Each structure stands twice: as C-alpha cells, then as structure tokens.
Protein backbone atom coordinates (compact mmCIF):
# COMPACT_ATOMS: atom_id res chain seq x y z
CA MET A 1 37.89 149.53 62.66
CA HIS A 2 39.82 146.64 61.04
CA VAL A 3 38.29 143.22 60.28
CA ARG A 4 40.29 141.60 63.08
CA GLU A 5 39.03 144.11 65.63
CA LEU A 6 35.42 143.68 64.50
CA VAL A 7 35.69 139.92 64.66
CA CYS A 8 37.26 140.10 68.11
CA VAL A 9 34.45 142.33 69.32
CA TYR A 10 31.63 140.20 67.93
CA VAL A 11 32.95 136.64 67.79
CA LEU A 12 36.12 136.23 69.82
CA SER A 13 37.31 137.23 73.21
CA CYS A 14 40.88 137.97 72.19
CA ALA A 15 42.11 140.94 74.19
CA SER A 16 45.38 139.25 75.08
CA ALA A 17 45.41 136.47 72.48
CA ALA A 18 48.21 137.96 70.36
CA ALA A 19 50.50 138.55 73.34
CA ALA A 20 50.03 134.99 74.59
CA GLN A 21 50.87 133.32 71.27
CA PRO A 22 54.37 132.29 70.25
CA ASP A 23 55.95 133.54 67.02
CA GLY A 24 54.02 131.74 64.29
CA GLN A 25 56.06 132.82 61.29
CA HIS A 26 56.60 129.21 60.23
CA ASP A 27 53.12 127.87 61.02
CA PHE A 28 52.45 127.01 57.37
CA ASP A 29 55.85 125.43 56.62
CA PHE A 30 54.28 121.96 56.87
CA GLU A 31 52.10 122.70 53.87
CA VAL A 32 54.73 123.65 51.30
CA GLY A 33 54.50 121.28 48.36
CA THR A 34 51.93 119.71 46.07
CA TRP A 35 48.71 118.19 47.38
CA LYS A 36 45.86 116.16 45.90
CA THR A 37 42.68 117.98 46.91
CA HIS A 38 39.13 116.73 47.36
CA VAL A 39 36.62 119.55 47.88
CA SER A 40 33.04 119.25 49.10
CA ARG A 41 31.21 122.54 48.59
CA LEU A 42 27.72 123.42 49.78
CA GLU A 43 26.04 124.68 46.64
CA GLN A 44 23.98 127.47 48.26
CA PRO A 45 25.24 128.42 51.75
CA LEU A 46 22.80 129.80 54.34
CA SER A 47 19.80 129.00 52.15
CA GLY A 48 18.58 125.86 53.91
CA SER A 49 19.87 123.75 51.02
CA LYS A 50 21.79 120.59 51.88
CA LYS A 51 23.07 119.93 48.33
CA TRP A 52 26.82 119.40 48.20
CA VAL A 53 29.01 119.19 45.10
CA GLU A 54 32.32 117.36 44.86
CA LEU A 55 35.49 118.51 43.11
CA GLU A 56 38.97 116.99 42.67
CA GLY A 57 42.28 118.55 41.78
CA THR A 58 45.47 119.95 43.21
CA SER A 59 46.71 122.54 45.62
CA VAL A 60 50.29 123.79 45.29
CA VAL A 61 51.79 125.76 48.20
CA ARG A 62 54.96 127.86 47.90
CA ALA A 63 56.71 129.71 50.72
CA ILE A 64 57.69 133.27 49.81
CA MET A 65 59.30 136.21 51.60
CA GLU A 66 61.49 134.02 53.85
CA GLY A 67 58.47 132.11 55.17
CA ARG A 68 56.50 135.18 56.27
CA ALA A 69 54.09 134.60 53.41
CA ASN A 70 52.98 131.79 51.17
CA LEU A 71 50.99 131.39 48.01
CA VAL A 72 48.48 128.60 47.40
CA GLU A 73 47.31 127.73 43.89
CA LEU A 74 44.02 125.81 43.90
CA ASP A 75 42.73 124.05 40.78
CA VAL A 76 39.74 121.71 41.22
CA ALA A 77 36.96 120.50 38.94
CA GLY A 78 33.88 118.32 39.05
CA SER A 79 30.45 117.93 37.52
CA SER A 80 29.49 121.33 38.98
CA GLY A 81 32.32 123.10 37.18
CA HIS A 82 35.86 124.33 37.71
CA ILE A 83 37.36 126.42 40.52
CA ALA A 84 40.77 128.02 40.12
CA GLY A 85 42.15 130.55 42.53
CA VAL A 86 45.03 131.71 44.66
CA SER A 87 45.34 132.32 48.36
CA LEU A 88 47.94 134.73 49.66
CA ARG A 89 48.72 134.16 53.32
CA LEU A 90 50.60 136.92 55.11
CA TYR A 91 52.18 136.79 58.57
CA ASN A 92 52.04 139.87 60.80
CA PRO A 93 54.88 139.68 63.38
CA ASP A 94 53.32 142.44 65.52
CA THR A 95 50.06 140.57 66.10
CA ARG A 96 51.58 137.11 65.55
CA GLN A 97 48.67 136.29 63.29
CA TRP A 98 48.12 135.34 59.69
CA SER A 99 45.70 136.88 57.20
CA LEU A 100 44.38 134.53 54.54
CA ASN A 101 43.35 136.32 51.35
CA TYR A 102 41.64 134.37 48.54
CA ALA A 103 41.08 135.39 44.94
CA SER A 104 39.02 133.43 42.46
CA LEU A 105 40.43 133.60 38.96
CA ARG A 106 36.83 133.77 37.71
CA SER A 107 36.14 137.13 39.36
CA GLY A 108 39.70 138.41 39.65
CA THR A 109 39.02 139.99 43.04
CA LEU A 110 40.15 139.27 46.58
CA THR A 111 37.65 138.18 49.19
CA ALA A 112 37.80 139.82 52.61
CA PRO A 113 40.61 138.20 54.64
CA VAL A 114 40.20 135.85 57.55
CA VAL A 115 42.68 136.46 60.38
CA GLY A 116 43.98 134.17 63.11
CA GLY A 117 46.63 131.64 63.92
CA PHE A 118 47.56 128.19 65.12
CA ASN A 119 47.25 126.71 68.58
CA LYS A 120 48.49 123.16 69.28
CA GLY A 121 48.65 122.34 65.59
CA SER A 122 45.19 123.57 64.55
CA GLY A 123 44.52 126.87 62.84
CA GLU A 124 41.46 129.03 63.38
CA PHE A 125 40.78 132.18 61.39
CA PHE A 126 37.83 134.60 61.44
CA GLY A 127 36.61 137.41 59.26
CA LEU A 128 33.69 139.35 57.86
CA ASP A 129 32.37 139.04 54.32
CA THR A 130 29.16 139.30 52.37
CA LEU A 131 26.96 136.62 50.85
CA ASP A 132 24.28 137.69 48.40
CA GLY A 133 24.79 141.27 49.57
CA LYS A 134 24.30 140.42 53.27
CA PRO A 135 27.06 140.51 55.92
CA VAL A 136 28.29 137.17 57.26
CA PHE A 137 30.96 136.05 59.66
CA VAL A 138 33.47 133.58 58.23
CA ARG A 139 35.34 130.92 60.20
CA PHE A 140 38.16 128.92 58.58
CA VAL A 141 39.67 125.93 60.41
CA ILE A 142 42.78 123.96 59.47
CA ALA A 143 43.53 120.61 61.09
CA CYS A 144 46.16 118.09 60.03
CA PRO A 145 45.65 114.72 61.70
CA ALA A 146 48.76 113.29 59.98
CA PRO A 147 51.87 114.82 58.36
CA ASP A 148 50.54 114.14 54.86
CA THR A 149 46.82 114.85 55.38
CA CYS A 150 45.08 118.16 56.12
CA ARG A 151 41.47 119.26 56.36
CA PHE A 152 40.33 122.80 55.62
CA GLU A 153 36.83 123.78 56.67
CA GLN A 154 35.00 127.04 56.04
CA ALA A 155 31.74 128.02 57.75
CA PHE A 156 29.45 131.05 57.61
CA SER A 157 27.32 132.62 60.33
CA ASP A 158 24.51 135.07 59.67
CA ASP A 159 23.54 135.40 63.34
CA GLY A 160 26.63 137.05 64.79
CA GLY A 161 28.54 133.82 65.44
CA LYS A 162 25.87 132.02 67.50
CA SER A 163 25.62 129.25 64.92
CA TRP A 164 27.79 128.20 62.00
CA GLU A 165 27.04 126.39 58.75
CA VAL A 166 29.97 124.56 57.14
CA ASN A 167 30.02 125.25 53.39
CA TRP A 168 33.48 124.14 52.22
CA ILE A 169 35.51 121.09 53.19
CA ALA A 170 38.83 120.41 51.48
CA THR A 171 40.79 117.28 52.32
CA ASP A 172 44.36 117.43 51.06
CA THR A 173 46.75 114.50 50.75
CA ARG A 174 50.40 115.21 49.98
CA ALA A 175 51.35 114.12 46.46
CA LYS A 176 54.05 111.47 46.26
CA GLY A 177 57.53 112.99 46.05
CA SER A 178 56.37 116.42 47.18
C-alpha cells in the first residue's frame, strides 16, 4: 500500500478527493523566487518539551519540468545550528496531487513524502514517517495570507491523527526584486 493510501485510510476521508479537485499543476507557481525565511523549530517533537529554536535564512524556489515540479533550496541558521536542504515537489496529473520530498544535506537522504494539494489557496499534505524509530503521521500546511508572505507549518501525530503537535513553522517573505 502506498503512503497516500495509508494516510487516506487512517487520517483522511478522501475516496473522491482527487476526482473533485481541479488540475493543480501550477499550484506552486506563486512561490517561484527568493524568500527571506524565519523558522521556528520545536527542539524535541512529541517529547513534552516546549523549547523552540529560531533560525533565519533564505529559501529559493525554482520551477522545473514545465511547472510539474519545483525545487526548493533551504538555508537557515541560528544559535541552535545550521539547516540546509532541498525539497523536490512533484505533481501527479493522474491524482491531481503533489508529493513533497525533503532531503537534509546533513544526512543526504530523503524523508518520506507528504502528499496532498491546494484548496482555496491553502495546501494540506499528509504522510507517514518515523521519529526516534517510532511511526508518526505528518501534516504539512501551506497558507499565504498575502502575495509576498507564506507560512509553512509541519505537525506530527503519534496517536493516529487524533491530535497534532506543531514542530516547524516557517514564515517566508518574498525578497525584494524576486
């Protein structure tokens, strides 16, 4: 069973979701360019800890493959260290959904993808991953309240999607001239 199917079974009720959605091939077009990024990251997710760390840097988004994919380069740093990575986002025209695939340059490996799409300007993506060797559900939400400001929020659930703990908040502001 694929990640999307598992997530649909356990978290979403999406039997006809793909058929009801319009073609979303250009859903990420708004994000192409260079962004100033502020990241708040929960230091130890799902541990009961409430300690957040702050990082600043840039996010550069490039459309590739005629808009059916894009590549995001993230480079942020703060007192807690440095995070550099890439996110490959791929559009599937059959399901009309995107898969978001992240790789940290520190580990050199891809995380499990989150899959979903946009509805009325907001994106919601779900997947399965592991944290400290235990399975967790992942929810990733994208909301852009203004043309030059976007918020990216990641949350984990270790109880099958009954409750979620936000562990990553990135607020992006478009760089001047981008």
